[in-house]
Amino acid sequence: IGKTIATLFPLLKACPVQELDKIFFLTAKGSGRSLALSALETLQRGRPDMPLRVIELVARDKSCEHPDKVCHGESCPLAKGFYDRLPAARTAAVRAAALNRESLREIALDHGVCPYYLGQELARWCDVIVGDYNHFFDSAALLHGLTLAHTWRIGVLVDEAHNLVDRARAMYSASLQAGTLRSVRAAAPVALKKPLDRLRRSWTRLIKGTTHAYTVLYEPPRALASALQDLTESISEHMTHSPTEVDSALLQFYFDALQFTRLLDTFGAHSIFDVTLALGTASSPRQADSTLCVRNVLPAQFLRPRFATARTTVLFSATLTPWNFYADALGLPEDTAWLDVAAPFKAEQLAVHIARHVSTRYRHRSSSVEPIARLIAAQYDATPGNYIAFFSSFDYLEQALDEFGMRHPRIPTWRQGRRMDEAEREAFLARFAVDGCGVGFAVLGGAFAEGIDLAGTRLIGAFIATLGLPQFNPVNEELRRRLDGEYGAGYEYTYLFPGIRKVVQAAGRVIRTTADCGVVHLIDDRFARPEVLRLLPSWWHVGTEQTCRGQPRQQ
């Protein structure tokens, strides 16, 4: 419906009046960055009088040309003499109005410099910066640091803001694994073995006597914090004197230990310190394979200063309901204005049905695949075309696909695979051809459940065989208890709201324009509950019949 250009345009228009120095357009996924860059290109097209300088920032691991090397001149050829070659590279870059990932890489390699660090340098010279959430909201975020250092007046746009809760929790969480400590210690220089051994002994004392697979400690151990502090200082000193003796594994452990230490220093009611033991062959916990984690529950405390830094911040999404959940979790200011824009779609465009006769609860999974297969086939026979079926996990998807393929081999199917690369994802989407026929099987919350456009006959229906509730496990149960104590809505904040948000996002793949028609089947009896129905889009009329032209009427 044009959320990207509808937020960029007015903020650009406000820049001279509000004296904004920069606009940060922040996204959760690469597809969001592409949409923003496309919208900015549209605004600039045919306007030579609007010399807008735009740059796309990409994560280091996705822009590194030499991932097997360390970021210093004695290891990486693009780091050696970087500042000698930087002025010429920067001059070439500022002459290009739009610096997306590809053009920035080309300019950087032409001048023999690192694309990632050239992008960081050019952020100072650009008007609009498009990048991931972590470039502004993370604890060591580049854009936040530059904003403070240069006292910039900034406007921030947060795309698909429903993702910010989980992403921010991850930003302010850290974990360390015993197996990684062992391997790093084995390969470490002699000078670092003593502080690594001290950390190992502290770790061993901490987990001694732990017999449960998951244990929450309500006070972080001081001895562990002291050992980590000692280790990070030792590694830092060693890197100063012997930079070539630090391999990538040790460097990554160093960064992880720094983050862990910082979070221990700010530990409070907003976080959990826990110990997880891996299960052995007899399903018994193994202390040797333990993981320590500082796990953030409420990122609000860390995000409030970020919002305060900006002149204005706009968070937008099709699924920011209920508003109080996001206000509480993200720490939005009390004077935050909320605008609920009516959808441009009509109920007649989308037939929404609830399969009340099916339960997708874990204990009913095996018995649910047959009625799900029957429902998908019946809908396909009534209205042949392209459909997508979402399931809660790859295991459930595979069970359903096997059942469907056995009973209805004549209907074309394709499936989302585990750990698909970019080419495989594009091939999956290409199967949804205009006027095509078949059923794609995918995982709810995965790469194909949001952020993709399959307009018109590329997709005419979806089946959602899950409420999308996060997994019931000790970690989420501890999260539920914490949120229940804070807001009295632990189940809703931990399970219900995040789950139904994923459902609505997935269903939103069907109707992309005011000319689209389609059908959505919500497969689970719990969808009929009042507390769930209240969370569905207001323009949906559950149980209505589809009557739009060009599509057969659904029964």
Protein backbone atom coordinates (compact mmCIF):
# COMPACT_ATOMS: atom_id res chain seq x y z
CA ILE A 1 0.00 0.00 0.00
CA GLY A 2 3.03 2.28 -0.29
CA LYS A 3 4.16 2.68 3.34
CA THR A 4 7.77 3.17 2.28
CA ILE A 5 7.32 6.13 -0.04
CA ALA A 6 4.51 7.54 2.13
CA THR A 7 6.92 7.89 5.05
CA LEU A 8 10.04 8.91 3.12
CA PHE A 9 8.43 11.73 1.14
CA PRO A 10 7.08 13.84 4.03
CA LEU A 11 10.25 13.41 6.07
CA LEU A 12 12.38 14.56 3.14
CA LYS A 13 10.02 17.50 2.74
CA ALA A 14 10.49 18.34 6.42
CA CYS A 15 14.30 18.36 6.26
CA PRO A 16 14.83 22.08 5.46
CA VAL A 17 12.05 23.29 7.76
CA GLN A 18 13.10 21.12 10.70
CA GLU A 19 16.80 21.52 9.85
CA LEU A 20 17.36 17.77 9.73
CA ASP A 21 20.91 16.73 8.86
CA LYS A 22 20.21 13.06 8.11
CA ILE A 23 17.44 10.55 7.58
CA PHE A 24 18.01 6.98 8.72
CA PHE A 25 15.76 4.41 7.04
CA LEU A 26 16.11 1.24 9.13
CA THR A 27 14.89 -2.21 8.16
CA ALA A 28 14.93 -5.78 9.45
CA LYS A 29 15.63 -7.45 6.10
CA GLY A 30 17.41 -6.85 2.81
CA SER A 31 14.10 -6.71 0.96
CA GLY A 32 13.17 -3.64 3.03
CA ARG A 33 16.38 -1.90 2.03
CA SER A 34 15.65 -2.62 -1.64
CA LEU A 35 12.18 -1.10 -1.34
CA ALA A 36 13.57 2.03 0.30
CA LEU A 37 16.25 2.48 -2.35
CA SER A 38 13.65 2.00 -5.08
CA ALA A 39 11.33 4.58 -3.49
CA LEU A 40 14.18 7.11 -3.22
CA GLU A 41 15.08 6.51 -6.87
CA THR A 42 11.45 7.16 -7.82
CA LEU A 43 11.45 10.45 -5.90
CA GLN A 44 14.66 11.58 -7.59
CA ARG A 45 13.77 10.47 -11.11
CA GLY A 46 13.80 13.42 -13.50
CA ARG A 47 14.79 15.83 -10.72
CA PRO A 48 18.37 17.00 -11.35
CA ASP A 49 17.62 19.90 -8.98
CA MET A 50 17.38 17.48 -6.04
CA PRO A 51 20.95 16.29 -5.40
CA LEU A 52 20.05 13.74 -2.74
CA ARG A 53 22.94 11.55 -1.65
CA VAL A 54 21.84 8.07 -0.57
CA ILE A 55 23.87 5.15 0.79
CA GLU A 56 23.02 1.55 1.70
CA LEU A 57 24.90 0.14 4.68
CA VAL A 58 25.46 -3.62 4.76
CA ALA A 59 26.64 -5.80 7.65
CA ARG A 60 30.34 -6.57 7.77
CA ASP A 61 29.93 -10.33 7.33
CA LYS A 62 27.91 -9.73 4.15
CA SER A 63 30.28 -7.19 2.62
CA CYS A 64 33.66 -8.62 3.62
CA GLU A 65 35.86 -9.55 0.64
CA HIS A 66 38.30 -11.59 2.73
CA PRO A 67 36.35 -13.36 5.50
CA ASP A 68 39.36 -15.57 6.29
CA LYS A 69 41.47 -12.55 7.30
CA VAL A 70 41.52 -10.16 10.26
CA CYS A 71 40.72 -6.45 9.78
CA HIS A 72 44.20 -4.95 9.93
CA GLY A 73 46.91 -4.10 7.43
CA GLU A 74 49.16 -7.07 8.20
CA SER A 75 46.37 -9.52 7.37
CA CYS A 76 43.89 -8.01 4.87
CA PRO A 77 45.12 -6.35 1.63
CA LEU A 78 42.13 -3.99 1.64
CA ALA A 79 43.03 -2.75 5.12
CA LYS A 80 46.70 -2.11 4.33
CA GLY A 81 47.09 1.53 3.34
CA PHE A 82 43.33 2.07 3.70
CA TYR A 83 43.62 5.71 4.77
CA ASP A 84 46.12 6.46 2.01
CA ARG A 85 43.62 5.38 -0.65
CA LEU A 86 40.50 6.59 1.15
CA PRO A 87 40.42 10.21 -0.16
CA ALA A 88 40.32 9.12 -3.83
CA ALA A 89 37.72 6.44 -3.12
CA ARG A 90 35.59 8.91 -1.18
CA THR A 91 35.79 11.50 -3.95
CA ALA A 92 34.64 8.93 -6.51
CA ALA A 93 31.83 7.78 -4.22
CA VAL A 94 30.35 11.20 -3.47
CA ARG A 95 29.98 11.83 -7.20
CA ALA A 96 27.55 8.90 -7.35
CA ALA A 97 24.18 10.04 -6.02
CA ALA A 98 22.99 6.56 -5.01
CA LEU A 99 25.42 4.18 -3.33
CA ASN A 100 23.77 0.80 -3.06
CA ARG A 101 25.61 -2.35 -2.09
CA GLU A 102 26.78 -3.14 -5.62
CA SER A 103 27.94 0.35 -6.64
CA LEU A 104 29.72 0.92 -3.31
CA ARG A 105 31.56 -2.40 -3.67
CA GLU A 106 32.61 -1.55 -7.23
CA ILE A 107 34.01 1.84 -6.22
CA ALA A 108 35.78 0.38 -3.19
CA LEU A 109 37.49 -2.39 -5.13
CA ASP A 110 38.46 -0.01 -7.92
CA HIS A 111 40.46 1.92 -5.30
CA GLY A 112 41.65 -1.11 -3.32
CA VAL A 113 39.76 -0.36 -0.09
CA CYS A 114 37.31 -2.32 2.04
CA PRO A 115 33.66 -1.79 0.95
CA TYR A 116 32.39 -2.12 4.53
CA TYR A 117 34.67 0.56 5.98
CA LEU A 118 34.27 2.82 2.96
CA GLY A 119 30.52 2.72 3.62
CA GLN A 120 31.09 3.69 7.25
CA GLU A 121 33.23 6.65 6.18
CA LEU A 122 30.67 7.82 3.61
CA ALA A 123 27.84 7.80 6.13
CA ARG A 124 29.14 11.20 7.25
CA TRP A 125 28.63 12.61 3.74
CA CYS A 126 25.19 11.22 2.87
CA ASP A 127 21.70 12.64 3.34
CA VAL A 128 19.74 9.38 3.58
CA ILE A 129 21.25 6.25 5.08
CA VAL A 130 19.47 2.95 4.49
CA GLY A 131 20.52 0.07 6.71
CA ASP A 132 19.63 -2.56 9.27
CA TYR A 133 18.11 -1.78 12.68
CA ASN A 134 21.41 -2.54 14.40
CA HIS A 135 23.17 0.39 12.72
CA PHE A 136 21.25 2.71 15.05
CA PHE A 137 19.74 0.65 17.88
CA ASP A 138 22.60 -1.70 18.79
CA SER A 139 24.78 -0.98 21.82
CA ALA A 140 27.78 -0.09 19.62
CA ALA A 141 25.77 1.29 16.69
CA LEU A 142 27.68 3.34 14.13
CA LEU A 143 24.87 5.77 13.31
CA HIS A 144 24.03 6.47 16.93
CA GLY A 145 27.69 7.14 17.71
CA LEU A 146 28.06 9.49 14.75
CA THR A 147 24.86 11.30 15.70
CA LEU A 148 26.19 12.02 19.18
CA ALA A 149 29.69 12.92 17.97
CA HIS A 150 28.49 15.39 15.33
CA THR A 151 25.30 16.55 17.16
CA TRP A 152 23.24 15.73 14.06
CA ARG A 153 19.52 16.42 13.98
CA ILE A 154 18.15 13.18 12.60
CA GLY A 155 14.84 11.73 11.47
CA VAL A 156 14.48 7.95 11.84
CA LEU A 157 12.13 5.68 9.89
CA VAL A 158 11.69 2.15 11.27
CA ASP A 159 10.31 -0.16 8.60
CA GLU A 160 8.24 -3.25 9.57
CA ALA A 161 8.61 -2.12 13.16
CA HIS A 162 6.91 -5.21 14.57
CA ASN A 163 10.29 -6.93 14.09
CA LEU A 164 12.11 -4.49 16.35
CA VAL A 165 11.06 -6.18 19.62
CA ASP A 166 12.75 -9.50 18.87
CA ARG A 167 15.68 -7.90 17.10
CA ALA A 168 16.35 -5.53 19.98
CA ARG A 169 16.17 -8.40 22.47
CA ALA A 170 18.84 -10.14 20.42
CA MET A 171 20.98 -6.98 20.29
CA TYR A 172 21.00 -6.79 24.09
CA SER A 173 21.56 -10.48 24.68
CA ALA A 174 24.84 -12.41 24.60
CA SER A 175 25.90 -16.02 24.99
CA LEU A 176 29.13 -17.96 25.47
CA GLN A 177 29.58 -21.67 24.74
CA ALA A 178 31.90 -23.99 26.64
CA GLY A 179 32.89 -25.78 23.44
CA THR A 180 34.02 -22.52 21.86
CA LEU A 181 36.06 -21.66 24.96
CA ARG A 182 37.84 -25.04 24.75
CA SER A 183 38.70 -24.68 21.05
CA VAL A 184 39.86 -21.07 21.47
CA ARG A 185 42.01 -22.04 24.45
CA ALA A 186 43.61 -24.91 22.52
CA ALA A 187 44.72 -22.62 19.67
CA ALA A 188 45.45 -19.50 21.73
CA PRO A 189 48.93 -17.93 22.03
CA VAL A 190 50.81 -18.83 25.21
CA ALA A 191 50.30 -15.33 26.62
CA LEU A 192 46.51 -15.81 26.69
CA LYS A 193 46.26 -19.34 28.10
CA LYS A 194 46.38 -18.19 31.73
CA PRO A 195 43.39 -15.76 31.53
CA LEU A 196 41.50 -18.32 29.44
CA ASP A 197 42.14 -20.96 32.12
CA ARG A 198 40.89 -18.58 34.82
CA LEU A 199 37.66 -18.11 32.89
CA ARG A 200 37.33 -21.88 32.43
CA ARG A 201 37.74 -22.52 36.18
CA SER A 202 35.18 -19.84 37.04
CA TRP A 203 32.78 -21.35 34.50
CA THR A 204 33.27 -24.85 35.92
CA ARG A 205 32.52 -23.67 39.48
CA LEU A 206 29.41 -21.90 38.22
CA ILE A 207 27.83 -24.99 36.63
CA LYS A 208 29.04 -27.47 39.25
CA GLY A 209 26.06 -29.35 40.61
CA THR A 210 23.78 -28.13 37.79
CA THR A 211 21.67 -31.09 36.68
CA HIS A 212 18.80 -29.45 34.83
CA ALA A 213 18.94 -28.68 31.12
CA TYR A 214 17.92 -25.08 31.83
CA THR A 215 18.66 -23.07 34.99
CA VAL A 216 17.99 -19.41 35.76
CA LEU A 217 20.42 -17.61 38.05
CA TYR A 218 18.95 -14.45 39.52
CA GLU A 219 22.32 -12.88 40.34
CA PRO A 220 25.14 -12.93 37.77
CA PRO A 221 28.27 -14.49 39.32
CA ARG A 222 30.89 -11.90 40.21
CA ALA A 223 33.80 -14.33 39.73
CA LEU A 224 32.75 -14.98 36.15
CA ALA A 225 32.42 -11.25 35.42
CA SER A 226 35.90 -10.64 36.87
CA ALA A 227 37.42 -13.47 34.80
CA LEU A 228 35.81 -12.13 31.63
CA GLN A 229 37.08 -8.63 32.34
CA ASP A 230 40.59 -9.97 32.88
CA LEU A 231 40.43 -11.98 29.63
CA THR A 232 39.19 -9.14 27.42
CA GLU A 233 41.88 -6.81 28.77
CA SER A 234 44.54 -9.45 28.11
CA ILE A 235 43.33 -10.07 24.54
CA SER A 236 43.19 -6.35 23.85
CA GLU A 237 46.74 -5.87 25.07
CA HIS A 238 47.95 -8.89 23.08
CA MET A 239 46.33 -7.58 19.87
CA THR A 240 48.13 -4.28 20.32
CA HIS A 241 51.55 -5.93 20.50
CA SER A 242 51.01 -9.02 18.28
CA PRO A 243 48.09 -8.42 15.88
CA THR A 244 49.08 -11.26 13.53
CA GLU A 245 48.76 -13.86 16.32
CA VAL A 246 45.01 -13.31 16.70
CA ASP A 247 42.97 -15.59 14.47
CA SER A 248 39.31 -15.07 13.52
CA ALA A 249 37.99 -17.54 16.13
CA LEU A 250 39.79 -15.78 18.98
CA LEU A 251 38.72 -12.38 17.68
CA GLN A 252 35.07 -13.44 17.56
CA PHE A 253 35.29 -14.87 21.09
CA TYR A 254 36.82 -11.56 22.19
CA PHE A 255 33.89 -9.59 20.74
CA ASP A 256 31.39 -12.00 22.32
CA ALA A 257 33.11 -11.72 25.70
CA LEU A 258 33.09 -7.90 25.48
CA GLN A 259 29.35 -7.89 24.78
CA PHE A 260 28.72 -10.37 27.59
CA THR A 261 30.72 -8.22 30.02
CA ARG A 262 28.88 -5.03 29.04
CA LEU A 263 25.52 -6.71 29.59
CA LEU A 264 26.60 -8.07 32.98
CA ASP A 265 27.47 -4.49 33.97
CA THR A 266 23.94 -3.30 33.10
CA PHE A 267 22.13 -6.41 34.35
CA GLY A 268 18.71 -5.79 35.88
CA ALA A 269 15.06 -6.83 35.87
CA HIS A 270 15.01 -6.39 32.10
CA SER A 271 17.30 -9.42 31.61
CA ILE A 272 17.77 -13.06 32.56
CA PHE A 273 21.02 -14.89 33.31
CA ASP A 274 20.68 -18.56 32.48
CA VAL A 275 22.66 -21.76 31.98
CA THR A 276 21.67 -24.28 29.31
CA LEU A 277 23.15 -27.78 29.22
CA ALA A 278 23.10 -29.73 25.96
CA LEU A 279 21.43 -33.13 26.09
CA GLY A 280 23.60 -36.22 25.61
CA THR A 281 22.73 -39.44 23.82
CA ALA A 282 20.63 -40.62 26.77
CA SER A 283 18.81 -37.25 26.92
CA SER A 284 20.74 -36.37 30.07
CA PRO A 285 22.26 -32.88 30.52
CA ARG A 286 25.98 -32.59 29.76
CA GLN A 287 27.88 -30.00 31.80
CA ALA A 288 30.74 -30.08 29.29
CA ASP A 289 28.44 -28.63 26.63
CA SER A 290 27.02 -25.71 28.59
CA THR A 291 25.97 -22.28 27.32
CA LEU A 292 25.86 -19.15 29.45
CA CYS A 293 23.47 -16.42 28.35
CA VAL A 294 22.49 -12.91 29.37
CA ARG A 295 19.07 -12.81 27.77
CA ASN A 296 17.18 -9.55 27.34
CA VAL A 297 13.46 -9.60 28.11
CA LEU A 298 12.51 -5.94 27.74
CA PRO A 299 14.69 -3.82 25.42
CA ALA A 300 12.85 -0.65 26.47
CA GLN A 301 15.62 0.52 28.82
CA PHE A 302 18.20 0.36 26.03
CA LEU A 303 16.03 1.83 23.27
CA ARG A 304 14.69 4.88 25.13
CA PRO A 305 17.99 6.80 24.77
CA ARG A 306 18.00 6.02 21.05
CA PHE A 307 14.53 7.50 20.57
CA ALA A 308 15.56 10.52 22.64
CA THR A 309 18.54 11.13 20.34
CA ALA A 310 16.34 11.54 17.26
CA ARG A 311 14.47 14.71 16.35
CA THR A 312 11.65 12.42 15.26
CA THR A 313 11.09 8.70 14.83
CA VAL A 314 8.34 7.03 12.81
CA LEU A 315 7.68 3.34 13.32
CA PHE A 316 5.40 1.77 10.73
CA SER A 317 4.04 -1.68 9.94
CA ALA A 318 0.85 -3.40 8.88
CA THR A 319 0.90 -5.35 12.17
CA LEU A 320 1.52 -2.99 15.10
CA THR A 321 -1.43 -4.29 17.11
CA PRO A 322 -1.99 -3.99 20.01
CA TRP A 323 -0.21 -0.67 20.33
CA ASN A 324 0.39 -0.90 24.09
CA PHE A 325 2.47 -4.07 23.65
CA TYR A 326 4.92 -2.26 21.37
CA ALA A 327 4.91 0.89 23.50
CA ASP A 328 5.82 -1.14 26.61
CA ALA A 329 8.38 -3.41 24.97
CA LEU A 330 10.19 -0.72 23.00
CA GLY A 331 10.05 2.06 25.57
CA LEU A 332 8.31 4.58 23.35
CA PRO A 333 7.82 8.08 24.80
CA GLU A 334 4.52 8.73 26.56
CA ASP A 335 3.59 11.42 24.03
CA THR A 336 3.94 9.02 21.09
CA ALA A 337 1.21 9.62 18.53
CA TRP A 338 -0.51 6.55 17.07
CA LEU A 339 -2.14 6.62 13.65
CA ASP A 340 -4.18 3.63 12.51
CA VAL A 341 -4.56 4.06 8.75
CA ALA A 342 -7.55 2.28 7.26
CA ALA A 343 -6.62 -0.39 4.75
CA PRO A 344 -7.48 0.40 1.12
CA PHE A 345 -8.90 -3.10 0.72
CA LYS A 346 -12.49 -4.30 1.00
CA ALA A 347 -13.78 -7.36 2.79
CA GLU A 348 -15.18 -8.63 -0.51
CA GLN A 349 -11.63 -9.03 -1.82
CA LEU A 350 -10.69 -11.69 0.71
CA ALA A 351 -12.63 -14.72 1.89
CA VAL A 352 -11.43 -15.66 5.38
CA HIS A 353 -12.41 -19.07 6.78
CA ILE A 354 -11.59 -20.84 10.03
CA ALA A 355 -11.12 -24.62 9.98
CA ARG A 356 -12.65 -25.25 13.40
CA HIS A 357 -12.53 -29.02 12.95
CA VAL A 358 -8.69 -29.13 12.99
CA SER A 359 -6.25 -28.76 15.87
CA THR A 360 -2.61 -27.99 15.06
CA ARG A 361 -1.48 -28.39 18.67
CA TYR A 362 1.74 -30.39 18.94
CA ARG A 363 0.01 -33.50 20.28
CA HIS A 364 -2.45 -33.45 17.37
CA ARG A 365 0.03 -32.85 14.54
CA SER A 366 0.06 -36.38 13.13
CA SER A 367 -3.75 -36.58 12.99
CA SER A 368 -4.09 -33.07 11.50
CA VAL A 369 -2.19 -33.60 8.24
CA GLU A 370 -4.94 -35.63 6.55
CA PRO A 371 -7.76 -33.05 7.02
CA ILE A 372 -5.33 -30.26 6.09
CA ALA A 373 -4.44 -32.07 2.85
CA ARG A 374 -8.14 -32.56 2.13
CA LEU A 375 -8.89 -28.86 2.74
CA ILE A 376 -6.06 -27.65 0.47
CA ALA A 377 -7.12 -29.99 -2.33
CA ALA A 378 -10.79 -28.97 -2.05
CA GLN A 379 -9.91 -25.27 -2.30
CA TYR A 380 -7.57 -25.92 -5.23
CA ASP A 381 -10.22 -27.92 -7.10
CA ALA A 382 -12.81 -25.19 -6.53
CA THR A 383 -10.46 -22.43 -7.74
CA PRO A 384 -7.25 -23.64 -9.42
CA GLY A 385 -4.34 -21.25 -9.06
CA ASN A 386 -1.28 -20.49 -6.95
CA TYR A 387 -1.53 -21.04 -3.19
CA ILE A 388 0.88 -21.05 -0.28
CA ALA A 389 0.53 -23.18 2.86
CA PHE A 390 2.29 -22.14 6.07
CA PHE A 391 3.27 -24.46 8.91
CA SER A 392 4.90 -23.92 12.30
CA SER A 393 8.08 -25.89 11.59
CA PHE A 394 9.98 -27.72 8.87
CA ASP A 395 9.08 -31.06 10.46
CA TYR A 396 5.37 -30.24 10.34
CA LEU A 397 5.72 -28.92 6.78
CA GLU A 398 7.37 -32.17 5.67
CA GLN A 399 4.67 -34.30 7.28
CA ALA A 400 1.93 -32.28 5.58
CA LEU A 401 3.69 -32.28 2.20
CA ASP A 402 4.22 -36.05 2.30
CA GLU A 403 0.54 -36.58 3.09
CA PHE A 404 -0.61 -34.14 0.41
CA GLY A 405 1.72 -35.58 -2.22
CA MET A 406 0.53 -39.11 -1.51
CA ARG A 407 -3.18 -38.24 -1.68
CA HIS A 408 -3.09 -35.60 -4.42
CA PRO A 409 -0.08 -36.25 -6.68
CA ARG A 410 -1.72 -34.44 -9.62
CA ILE A 411 -1.44 -31.04 -7.89
CA PRO A 412 1.99 -29.38 -8.40
CA THR A 413 3.83 -28.59 -5.17
CA TRP A 414 7.10 -26.98 -4.15
CA ARG A 415 8.59 -26.38 -0.74
CA GLN A 416 10.78 -24.10 1.30
CA GLY A 417 14.00 -25.86 2.20
CA ARG A 418 16.14 -25.51 5.28
CA ARG A 419 18.90 -22.90 5.00
CA MET A 420 18.03 -21.81 1.45
CA ASP A 421 20.49 -19.47 -0.23
CA GLU A 422 19.42 -16.41 -2.22
CA ALA A 423 19.21 -18.28 -5.54
CA GLU A 424 17.05 -20.99 -3.99
CA ARG A 425 14.71 -18.41 -2.46
CA GLU A 426 14.35 -16.68 -5.82
CA ALA A 427 13.60 -20.03 -7.48
CA PHE A 428 10.89 -20.74 -4.89
CA LEU A 429 9.20 -17.39 -5.58
CA ALA A 430 9.55 -17.83 -9.35
CA ARG A 431 7.23 -20.84 -9.14
CA PHE A 432 4.41 -18.40 -8.35
CA ALA A 433 4.02 -17.46 -11.99
CA VAL A 434 1.21 -15.31 -13.37
CA ASP A 435 -1.83 -17.54 -13.99
CA GLY A 436 0.13 -20.50 -12.64
CA CYS A 437 -1.21 -23.41 -10.60
CA GLY A 438 0.20 -25.22 -7.59
CA VAL A 439 0.84 -25.06 -3.86
CA GLY A 440 4.02 -23.84 -2.22
CA PHE A 441 4.73 -25.14 1.28
CA ALA A 442 6.54 -22.75 3.64
CA VAL A 443 7.29 -22.07 7.31
CA LEU A 444 5.43 -19.33 9.17
CA GLY A 445 7.79 -16.58 10.26
CA GLY A 446 10.30 -17.56 7.57
CA ALA A 447 11.60 -15.83 4.46
CA PHE A 448 8.30 -16.11 2.57
CA ALA A 449 5.88 -15.09 5.31
CA GLU A 450 6.46 -11.35 5.02
CA GLY A 451 8.14 -8.78 2.83
CA ILE A 452 7.31 -10.44 -0.50
CA ASP A 453 4.91 -9.22 -3.20
CA LEU A 454 2.99 -11.79 -5.23
CA ALA A 455 0.28 -9.61 -6.73
CA GLY A 456 -2.58 -10.61 -8.98
CA THR A 457 -2.79 -14.25 -9.97
CA ARG A 458 0.72 -14.97 -8.74
CA LEU A 459 -0.96 -15.83 -5.41
CA ILE A 460 -4.70 -16.26 -4.84
CA GLY A 461 -4.81 -17.97 -1.48
CA ALA A 462 -3.05 -19.03 1.71
CA PHE A 463 -3.50 -21.79 4.28
CA ILE A 464 -2.10 -21.09 7.75
CA ALA A 465 -1.89 -24.27 9.78
CA THR A 466 -0.73 -22.80 13.08
CA LEU A 467 -1.38 -19.90 15.43
CA GLY A 468 2.29 -19.04 15.16
CA LEU A 469 2.77 -19.21 18.93
CA PRO A 470 6.42 -19.27 19.99
CA GLN A 471 7.69 -22.63 21.18
CA PHE A 472 6.71 -23.67 24.69
CA ASN A 473 10.08 -24.14 26.40
CA PRO A 474 11.84 -23.12 29.64
CA VAL A 475 13.26 -19.94 28.11
CA ASN A 476 9.89 -18.65 26.91
CA GLU A 477 8.24 -19.70 30.16
CA GLU A 478 10.74 -17.62 32.13
CA LEU A 479 10.06 -14.77 29.72
CA ARG A 480 6.33 -15.20 30.34
CA ARG A 481 6.82 -15.06 34.13
CA ARG A 482 8.90 -11.89 33.88
CA LEU A 483 6.40 -10.13 31.61
CA ASP A 484 3.49 -11.27 33.73
CA GLY A 485 5.11 -9.70 36.76
CA GLU A 486 5.83 -6.47 34.87
CA TYR A 487 2.57 -6.03 32.94
CA GLY A 488 0.17 -8.76 34.08
CA ALA A 489 -0.01 -10.03 30.50
CA GLY A 490 2.77 -12.60 30.30
CA TYR A 491 0.96 -15.07 28.04
CA GLU A 492 -0.21 -12.37 25.64
CA TYR A 493 3.17 -10.62 25.41
CA THR A 494 5.18 -13.85 25.10
CA TYR A 495 2.94 -16.09 23.01
CA LEU A 496 -0.34 -14.70 21.67
CA PHE A 497 0.59 -11.27 20.26
CA PRO A 498 3.82 -12.41 18.52
CA GLY A 499 2.05 -15.51 17.14
CA ILE A 500 -0.98 -13.77 15.64
CA ARG A 501 1.25 -11.05 14.24
CA LYS A 502 3.05 -13.70 12.17
CA VAL A 503 -0.29 -15.10 11.02
CA VAL A 504 -1.53 -11.70 9.84
CA GLN A 505 1.77 -11.00 8.09
CA ALA A 506 1.58 -14.31 6.23
CA ALA A 507 -2.07 -13.81 5.27
CA GLY A 508 -1.12 -10.37 3.98
CA ARG A 509 0.78 -11.98 1.10
CA VAL A 510 -2.55 -12.71 -0.64
CA ILE A 511 -3.97 -9.20 -1.11
CA ARG A 512 -1.31 -6.78 -2.33
CA THR A 513 -3.34 -4.31 -4.44
CA THR A 514 -6.91 -3.04 -4.58
CA ALA A 515 -7.47 -5.25 -7.63
CA ASP A 516 -6.43 -8.53 -5.96
CA CYS A 517 -8.82 -11.25 -4.83
CA GLY A 518 -8.14 -14.32 -2.76
CA VAL A 519 -8.90 -16.62 0.12
CA VAL A 520 -7.26 -17.38 3.48
CA HIS A 521 -7.91 -20.51 5.53
CA LEU A 522 -6.96 -20.22 9.22
CA ILE A 523 -6.53 -23.83 10.25
CA ASP A 524 -7.04 -24.35 13.96
CA ASP A 525 -10.08 -24.23 16.25
CA ARG A 526 -8.38 -21.60 18.44
CA PHE A 527 -8.71 -18.99 15.68
CA ALA A 528 -12.40 -18.77 16.60
CA ARG A 529 -11.67 -17.60 20.13
CA PRO A 530 -12.69 -13.96 20.87
CA GLU A 531 -9.22 -12.95 22.09
CA VAL A 532 -7.76 -14.13 18.76
CA LEU A 533 -10.47 -12.65 16.53
CA ARG A 534 -9.86 -9.23 18.13
CA LEU A 535 -6.29 -9.29 16.86
CA LEU A 536 -7.18 -9.89 13.21
CA PRO A 537 -7.39 -6.94 10.77
CA SER A 538 -10.61 -4.97 11.10
CA TRP A 539 -11.31 -5.10 7.36
CA TRP A 540 -11.42 -8.92 7.41
CA HIS A 541 -14.90 -10.40 7.73
CA VAL A 542 -14.21 -13.92 8.93
CA GLY A 543 -16.53 -16.41 7.26
CA THR A 544 -17.48 -14.06 4.42
CA GLU A 545 -17.78 -15.19 0.84
CA GLN A 546 -15.56 -13.81 -1.87
CA THR A 547 -17.46 -12.03 -4.64
CA CYS A 548 -14.80 -10.11 -6.58
CA ARG A 549 -14.85 -10.22 -10.34
CA GLY A 550 -12.53 -12.59 -12.15
CA GLN A 551 -12.56 -15.17 -9.35
CA PRO A 552 -15.13 -17.93 -8.86
CA ARG A 553 -17.32 -17.48 -5.82
CA GLN A 554 -16.03 -19.47 -2.82
CA GLN A 555 -18.37 -21.83 -1.04
